[in-house]
N, C-alpha and C. Protein backbone atom coordinates (compact mmCIF):
# COMPACT_ATOMS: atom_id res chain seq x y z
N GLN A 1 9.17 -13.04 20.24
CA GLN A 1 9.03 -11.75 19.61
C GLN A 1 9.32 -11.88 18.10
N VAL A 2 8.41 -11.36 17.31
CA VAL A 2 8.58 -11.45 15.87
C VAL A 2 9.65 -10.47 15.40
N GLN A 3 10.55 -10.98 14.58
CA GLN A 3 11.58 -10.11 13.98
C GLN A 3 11.62 -10.35 12.47
N LEU A 4 11.67 -9.26 11.73
CA LEU A 4 11.77 -9.30 10.28
C LEU A 4 12.97 -8.46 9.87
N VAL A 5 13.86 -9.02 9.08
CA VAL A 5 15.07 -8.31 8.69
C VAL A 5 15.23 -8.38 7.18
N GLU A 6 15.13 -7.22 6.54
CA GLU A 6 15.30 -7.15 5.10
C GLU A 6 16.77 -7.01 4.72
N SER A 7 17.10 -7.48 3.55
CA SER A 7 18.44 -7.30 3.00
C SER A 7 18.36 -7.38 1.48
N GLY A 8 19.45 -7.00 0.83
CA GLY A 8 19.51 -7.12 -0.62
C GLY A 8 19.32 -5.84 -1.39
N GLY A 9 19.02 -4.76 -0.70
CA GLY A 9 18.87 -3.49 -1.39
C GLY A 9 20.20 -2.96 -1.87
N GLY A 10 20.14 -1.92 -2.67
CA GLY A 10 21.37 -1.33 -3.18
C GLY A 10 21.10 -0.41 -4.35
N LEU A 11 22.17 -0.07 -5.04
CA LEU A 11 22.10 0.81 -6.20
C LEU A 11 22.17 -0.03 -7.47
N VAL A 12 21.25 0.21 -8.38
CA VAL A 12 21.22 -0.55 -9.62
C VAL A 12 20.82 0.39 -10.75
N GLN A 13 21.28 0.10 -11.94
CA GLN A 13 20.89 0.91 -13.09
C GLN A 13 19.49 0.53 -13.56
N ALA A 14 18.83 1.46 -14.17
CA ALA A 14 17.52 1.18 -14.75
C ALA A 14 17.63 0.00 -15.72
N GLY A 15 16.66 -0.89 -15.63
CA GLY A 15 16.69 -2.10 -16.43
C GLY A 15 17.34 -3.28 -15.73
N GLY A 16 17.99 -3.02 -14.64
CA GLY A 16 18.67 -4.06 -13.89
C GLY A 16 17.75 -4.81 -12.95
N SER A 17 18.36 -5.67 -12.14
CA SER A 17 17.61 -6.54 -11.24
C SER A 17 18.21 -6.51 -9.84
N LEU A 18 17.36 -6.78 -8.87
CA LEU A 18 17.78 -6.97 -7.49
C LEU A 18 16.88 -8.02 -6.86
N ARG A 19 17.40 -8.70 -5.87
CA ARG A 19 16.62 -9.67 -5.12
C ARG A 19 16.66 -9.29 -3.65
N LEU A 20 15.51 -8.97 -3.11
CA LEU A 20 15.41 -8.66 -1.70
C LEU A 20 15.06 -9.91 -0.92
N SER A 21 15.56 -9.96 0.32
CA SER A 21 15.24 -11.06 1.22
C SER A 21 14.65 -10.50 2.50
N CYS A 22 13.81 -11.29 3.13
CA CYS A 22 13.23 -10.94 4.42
C CYS A 22 13.36 -12.16 5.32
N ALA A 23 14.33 -12.12 6.21
CA ALA A 23 14.55 -13.22 7.14
C ALA A 23 13.69 -13.00 8.38
N THR A 24 13.01 -14.04 8.81
CA THR A 24 12.10 -13.89 9.94
C THR A 24 12.46 -14.82 11.09
N SER A 25 12.00 -14.45 12.28
CA SER A 25 12.13 -15.30 13.45
C SER A 25 11.01 -14.95 14.41
N GLY A 26 10.73 -15.88 15.33
CA GLY A 26 9.73 -15.61 16.36
C GLY A 26 8.30 -15.83 15.93
N LEU A 27 8.08 -16.49 14.81
CA LEU A 27 6.73 -16.77 14.36
C LEU A 27 6.70 -18.11 13.65
N THR A 28 5.49 -18.66 13.56
CA THR A 28 5.30 -19.86 12.76
C THR A 28 5.15 -19.39 11.32
N PHE A 29 6.26 -19.32 10.65
CA PHE A 29 6.35 -18.60 9.39
C PHE A 29 5.33 -19.08 8.37
N ASN A 30 5.20 -20.38 8.21
CA ASN A 30 4.34 -20.89 7.14
C ASN A 30 2.86 -20.70 7.41
N SER A 31 2.51 -20.15 8.57
CA SER A 31 1.10 -19.91 8.90
C SER A 31 0.61 -18.55 8.41
N TYR A 32 1.52 -17.67 8.11
CA TYR A 32 1.12 -16.27 7.87
C TYR A 32 1.44 -15.80 6.45
N PRO A 33 0.46 -15.14 5.85
CA PRO A 33 0.77 -14.40 4.63
C PRO A 33 1.77 -13.29 4.95
N MET A 34 2.58 -12.97 3.97
CA MET A 34 3.58 -11.93 4.12
C MET A 34 3.47 -10.96 2.97
N GLY A 35 3.96 -9.76 3.19
CA GLY A 35 3.88 -8.76 2.14
C GLY A 35 5.12 -7.90 2.04
N TRP A 36 5.25 -7.26 0.89
CA TRP A 36 6.27 -6.25 0.65
C TRP A 36 5.56 -4.91 0.39
N PHE A 37 6.08 -3.89 1.02
CA PHE A 37 5.63 -2.52 0.80
C PHE A 37 6.85 -1.68 0.46
N ARG A 38 6.61 -0.50 -0.07
CA ARG A 38 7.73 0.42 -0.33
C ARG A 38 7.29 1.85 -0.08
N GLN A 39 8.28 2.66 0.26
CA GLN A 39 8.01 4.08 0.50
C GLN A 39 9.10 4.91 -0.16
N ALA A 40 8.71 5.65 -1.15
CA ALA A 40 9.64 6.57 -1.81
C ALA A 40 9.70 7.88 -1.02
N LEU A 41 10.77 8.60 -1.21
CA LEU A 41 10.96 9.85 -0.48
C LEU A 41 9.81 10.81 -0.77
N GLY A 42 9.17 11.28 0.28
CA GLY A 42 8.10 12.23 0.13
C GLY A 42 6.75 11.64 -0.23
N LYS A 43 6.69 10.32 -0.28
CA LYS A 43 5.44 9.66 -0.65
C LYS A 43 4.98 8.72 0.45
N GLU A 44 3.73 8.33 0.37
CA GLU A 44 3.20 7.38 1.35
C GLU A 44 3.68 5.97 1.03
N ARG A 45 3.70 5.15 2.06
CA ARG A 45 4.07 3.76 1.85
C ARG A 45 2.98 3.08 1.02
N GLU A 46 3.40 2.24 0.08
CA GLU A 46 2.45 1.58 -0.80
C GLU A 46 2.71 0.08 -0.89
N PHE A 47 1.64 -0.63 -1.16
CA PHE A 47 1.70 -2.07 -1.31
C PHE A 47 2.45 -2.44 -2.58
N VAL A 48 3.25 -3.50 -2.49
CA VAL A 48 3.98 -4.00 -3.65
C VAL A 48 3.50 -5.40 -4.02
N ALA A 49 3.56 -6.31 -3.05
CA ALA A 49 3.20 -7.70 -3.33
C ALA A 49 2.92 -8.43 -2.03
N ALA A 50 2.19 -9.53 -2.13
CA ALA A 50 1.90 -10.36 -0.97
C ALA A 50 1.87 -11.81 -1.39
N ILE A 51 2.08 -12.68 -0.41
CA ILE A 51 2.11 -14.11 -0.69
C ILE A 51 1.45 -14.84 0.47
N SER A 52 0.71 -15.89 0.16
CA SER A 52 0.05 -16.67 1.19
C SER A 52 1.06 -17.50 1.98
N GLY A 53 0.60 -18.07 3.07
CA GLY A 53 1.47 -18.85 3.92
C GLY A 53 2.12 -20.03 3.22
N SER A 54 1.37 -20.67 2.37
CA SER A 54 1.90 -21.82 1.63
C SER A 54 2.73 -21.40 0.43
N GLY A 55 2.56 -20.16 0.01
CA GLY A 55 3.23 -19.68 -1.20
C GLY A 55 2.43 -19.91 -2.45
N GLY A 56 1.27 -20.52 -2.32
CA GLY A 56 0.48 -20.86 -3.49
C GLY A 56 -0.31 -19.72 -4.09
N SER A 57 -0.49 -18.65 -3.34
CA SER A 57 -1.24 -17.49 -3.84
C SER A 57 -0.40 -16.24 -3.69
N THR A 58 -0.48 -15.38 -4.69
CA THR A 58 0.26 -14.13 -4.67
C THR A 58 -0.62 -13.00 -5.20
N GLU A 59 -0.28 -11.80 -4.82
CA GLU A 59 -0.93 -10.62 -5.35
C GLU A 59 0.14 -9.56 -5.58
N TYR A 60 -0.10 -8.72 -6.59
CA TYR A 60 0.86 -7.69 -6.94
C TYR A 60 0.15 -6.36 -7.19
N ALA A 61 0.85 -5.30 -6.89
CA ALA A 61 0.40 -3.98 -7.33
C ALA A 61 0.52 -3.93 -8.84
N ASP A 62 -0.38 -3.20 -9.48
CA ASP A 62 -0.35 -3.11 -10.94
C ASP A 62 0.99 -2.58 -11.45
N SER A 63 1.60 -1.71 -10.68
CA SER A 63 2.84 -1.07 -11.12
C SER A 63 4.02 -2.03 -11.22
N VAL A 64 3.92 -3.20 -10.59
CA VAL A 64 5.05 -4.13 -10.60
C VAL A 64 4.72 -5.46 -11.27
N LYS A 65 3.48 -5.66 -11.65
CA LYS A 65 3.09 -6.92 -12.29
C LYS A 65 3.93 -7.19 -13.52
N GLY A 66 4.39 -8.42 -13.63
CA GLY A 66 5.20 -8.81 -14.78
C GLY A 66 6.68 -8.50 -14.62
N ARG A 67 7.03 -7.72 -13.61
CA ARG A 67 8.44 -7.38 -13.39
C ARG A 67 8.96 -7.93 -12.06
N PHE A 68 8.11 -7.96 -11.05
CA PHE A 68 8.51 -8.43 -9.71
C PHE A 68 7.88 -9.79 -9.45
N THR A 69 8.62 -10.60 -8.69
CA THR A 69 8.11 -11.91 -8.28
C THR A 69 8.35 -12.10 -6.79
N ILE A 70 7.27 -12.35 -6.07
CA ILE A 70 7.38 -12.63 -4.63
C ILE A 70 7.41 -14.14 -4.43
N SER A 71 8.22 -14.58 -3.49
CA SER A 71 8.30 -16.01 -3.20
C SER A 71 8.69 -16.18 -1.74
N ARG A 72 8.63 -17.41 -1.28
CA ARG A 72 9.03 -17.68 0.11
C ARG A 72 9.59 -19.08 0.19
N ASP A 73 10.49 -19.27 1.14
CA ASP A 73 11.05 -20.58 1.44
C ASP A 73 10.70 -20.85 2.90
N ASN A 74 9.66 -21.63 3.12
CA ASN A 74 9.20 -21.86 4.48
C ASN A 74 10.19 -22.67 5.31
N ALA A 75 11.03 -23.43 4.66
CA ALA A 75 12.05 -24.18 5.39
C ALA A 75 13.11 -23.24 5.96
N LYS A 76 13.29 -22.09 5.32
CA LYS A 76 14.29 -21.11 5.75
C LYS A 76 13.67 -19.91 6.45
N ASN A 77 12.33 -19.92 6.60
CA ASN A 77 11.64 -18.79 7.24
C ASN A 77 11.99 -17.47 6.56
N THR A 78 12.05 -17.49 5.27
CA THR A 78 12.51 -16.33 4.51
C THR A 78 11.60 -16.07 3.31
N MET A 79 11.35 -14.79 3.07
CA MET A 79 10.58 -14.36 1.91
C MET A 79 11.50 -13.57 0.99
N TYR A 80 11.15 -13.56 -0.30
CA TYR A 80 11.98 -12.89 -1.28
C TYR A 80 11.14 -11.99 -2.19
N LEU A 81 11.82 -11.04 -2.79
CA LEU A 81 11.20 -10.23 -3.84
C LEU A 81 12.23 -10.08 -4.95
N GLN A 82 12.00 -10.76 -6.05
CA GLN A 82 12.85 -10.64 -7.22
C GLN A 82 12.33 -9.49 -8.06
N MET A 83 13.19 -8.50 -8.28
CA MET A 83 12.78 -7.31 -9.00
C MET A 83 13.59 -7.21 -10.29
N ASN A 84 12.91 -7.28 -11.41
CA ASN A 84 13.54 -7.19 -12.72
C ASN A 84 13.06 -5.94 -13.45
N SER A 85 13.78 -5.57 -14.47
CA SER A 85 13.42 -4.41 -15.30
C SER A 85 13.13 -3.19 -14.43
N LEU A 86 14.02 -2.93 -13.52
CA LEU A 86 13.80 -1.85 -12.56
C LEU A 86 13.77 -0.49 -13.24
N LYS A 87 12.90 0.35 -12.72
CA LYS A 87 12.74 1.71 -13.21
C LYS A 87 13.11 2.69 -12.11
N ALA A 88 13.37 3.91 -12.50
CA ALA A 88 13.68 4.93 -11.51
C ALA A 88 12.56 5.07 -10.48
N ALA A 89 11.33 4.87 -10.94
CA ALA A 89 10.17 4.99 -10.05
C ALA A 89 10.11 3.89 -9.00
N ASP A 90 10.90 2.84 -9.17
CA ASP A 90 10.92 1.75 -8.19
C ASP A 90 11.83 2.08 -7.01
N GLY A 91 12.59 3.15 -7.11
CA GLY A 91 13.48 3.52 -6.02
C GLY A 91 12.70 3.89 -4.77
N ALA A 92 13.01 3.23 -3.66
CA ALA A 92 12.28 3.44 -2.41
C ALA A 92 12.93 2.61 -1.32
N VAL A 93 12.45 2.80 -0.10
CA VAL A 93 12.78 1.88 0.98
C VAL A 93 11.74 0.77 0.94
N TYR A 94 12.20 -0.45 0.89
CA TYR A 94 11.32 -1.60 0.81
C TYR A 94 11.22 -2.27 2.17
N TYR A 95 9.98 -2.54 2.58
CA TYR A 95 9.70 -3.15 3.87
C TYR A 95 8.99 -4.49 3.68
N CYS A 96 9.37 -5.44 4.50
CA CYS A 96 8.58 -6.66 4.55
C CYS A 96 7.69 -6.61 5.79
N ALA A 97 6.60 -7.32 5.72
CA ALA A 97 5.63 -7.27 6.81
C ALA A 97 4.89 -8.60 6.93
N LYS A 98 4.48 -8.88 8.16
CA LYS A 98 3.72 -10.09 8.46
C LYS A 98 2.25 -9.71 8.61
N LYS A 99 1.40 -10.47 7.95
CA LYS A 99 -0.03 -10.17 8.04
C LYS A 99 -0.55 -10.53 9.42
N ARG A 100 -1.50 -9.73 9.89
CA ARG A 100 -2.07 -9.94 11.22
C ARG A 100 -2.84 -11.26 11.30
N LEU A 101 -3.61 -11.54 10.27
CA LEU A 101 -4.43 -12.75 10.26
C LEU A 101 -3.82 -13.79 9.34
N MET A 102 -4.15 -15.06 9.60
CA MET A 102 -3.59 -16.15 8.81
C MET A 102 -4.24 -16.27 7.45
N SER A 103 -5.38 -15.65 7.27
CA SER A 103 -6.10 -15.80 6.01
C SER A 103 -5.56 -14.84 4.95
N PHE A 104 -5.40 -15.35 3.76
CA PHE A 104 -4.97 -14.53 2.62
C PHE A 104 -6.17 -13.84 1.99
N ARG A 105 -7.35 -14.41 2.19
CA ARG A 105 -8.55 -13.93 1.51
C ARG A 105 -9.09 -12.64 2.10
N THR A 106 -8.63 -12.28 3.29
CA THR A 106 -9.16 -11.06 3.92
C THR A 106 -8.51 -9.81 3.36
N GLY A 107 -7.65 -9.98 2.37
CA GLY A 107 -7.04 -8.81 1.76
C GLY A 107 -5.60 -8.67 2.17
N THR A 108 -4.83 -8.05 1.30
CA THR A 108 -3.39 -7.98 1.54
C THR A 108 -2.78 -6.61 1.29
N ALA A 109 -3.53 -5.67 0.76
CA ALA A 109 -2.92 -4.42 0.32
C ALA A 109 -2.92 -3.31 1.36
N GLY A 110 -3.65 -3.49 2.44
CA GLY A 110 -3.73 -2.43 3.43
C GLY A 110 -2.69 -2.58 4.53
N GLU A 111 -2.04 -1.47 4.87
CA GLU A 111 -1.03 -1.52 5.91
C GLU A 111 -1.57 -2.02 7.23
N SER A 112 -2.81 -1.69 7.53
CA SER A 112 -3.39 -2.05 8.82
C SER A 112 -3.60 -3.55 8.96
N GLN A 113 -3.48 -4.27 7.86
CA GLN A 113 -3.63 -5.73 7.91
C GLN A 113 -2.34 -6.42 8.34
N TYR A 114 -1.29 -5.66 8.56
CA TYR A 114 0.00 -6.21 8.94
C TYR A 114 0.38 -5.72 10.33
N ASP A 115 0.93 -6.60 11.14
CA ASP A 115 1.23 -6.22 12.52
C ASP A 115 2.69 -6.26 12.88
N SER A 116 3.55 -6.69 11.98
CA SER A 116 4.98 -6.69 12.24
C SER A 116 5.70 -6.24 10.98
N TRP A 117 6.71 -5.39 11.16
CA TRP A 117 7.41 -4.78 10.03
C TRP A 117 8.91 -4.87 10.23
N GLY A 118 9.62 -4.98 9.14
CA GLY A 118 11.07 -4.89 9.20
C GLY A 118 11.52 -3.44 9.20
N GLN A 119 12.83 -3.24 9.23
CA GLN A 119 13.38 -1.89 9.31
C GLN A 119 13.53 -1.26 7.93
N GLY A 120 13.44 -2.06 6.89
CA GLY A 120 13.51 -1.55 5.53
C GLY A 120 14.89 -1.68 4.91
N THR A 121 14.91 -1.75 3.59
CA THR A 121 16.16 -1.78 2.85
C THR A 121 16.02 -0.84 1.65
N GLN A 122 17.04 -0.03 1.43
CA GLN A 122 16.97 1.00 0.40
C GLN A 122 17.28 0.44 -0.98
N VAL A 123 16.43 0.76 -1.92
CA VAL A 123 16.66 0.42 -3.32
C VAL A 123 16.75 1.73 -4.10
N THR A 124 17.86 1.93 -4.78
CA THR A 124 18.05 3.13 -5.59
C THR A 124 18.29 2.71 -7.03
N VAL A 125 17.51 3.28 -7.93
CA VAL A 125 17.61 2.94 -9.35
C VAL A 125 18.07 4.18 -10.10
N SER A 126 19.22 4.07 -10.73
CA SER A 126 19.75 5.21 -11.49
C SER A 126 19.29 5.13 -12.94
N SER A 127 18.92 6.27 -13.47
CA SER A 127 18.42 6.29 -14.86
C SER A 127 19.50 6.74 -15.82
């Protein structure tokens, strides 16, 4: 059974940094692209970033490009999201997700392309 567990969320001042982690089990981790999504209060869940199984390819939402970095350690079955220059608008519950298909080229921004989700970790940015 696939399990995804996020950690690293918390309260940070605007301009600060946080590093989220997504620990996984029950899957051949290096075979699957992974993604980060977020959902702010009262808003729909939105794509943040994705990374290929090897870690060699990444994609980002325009809103986080240049500030967030997605990475993975396949030896540890863990994915990360380094978030710098945080803004109040970045405050949300952040979810990690496993892509349904092994291919990165089939797209990464749609929720329906992911079949396993973590429980989420709250990120609050004070202005």
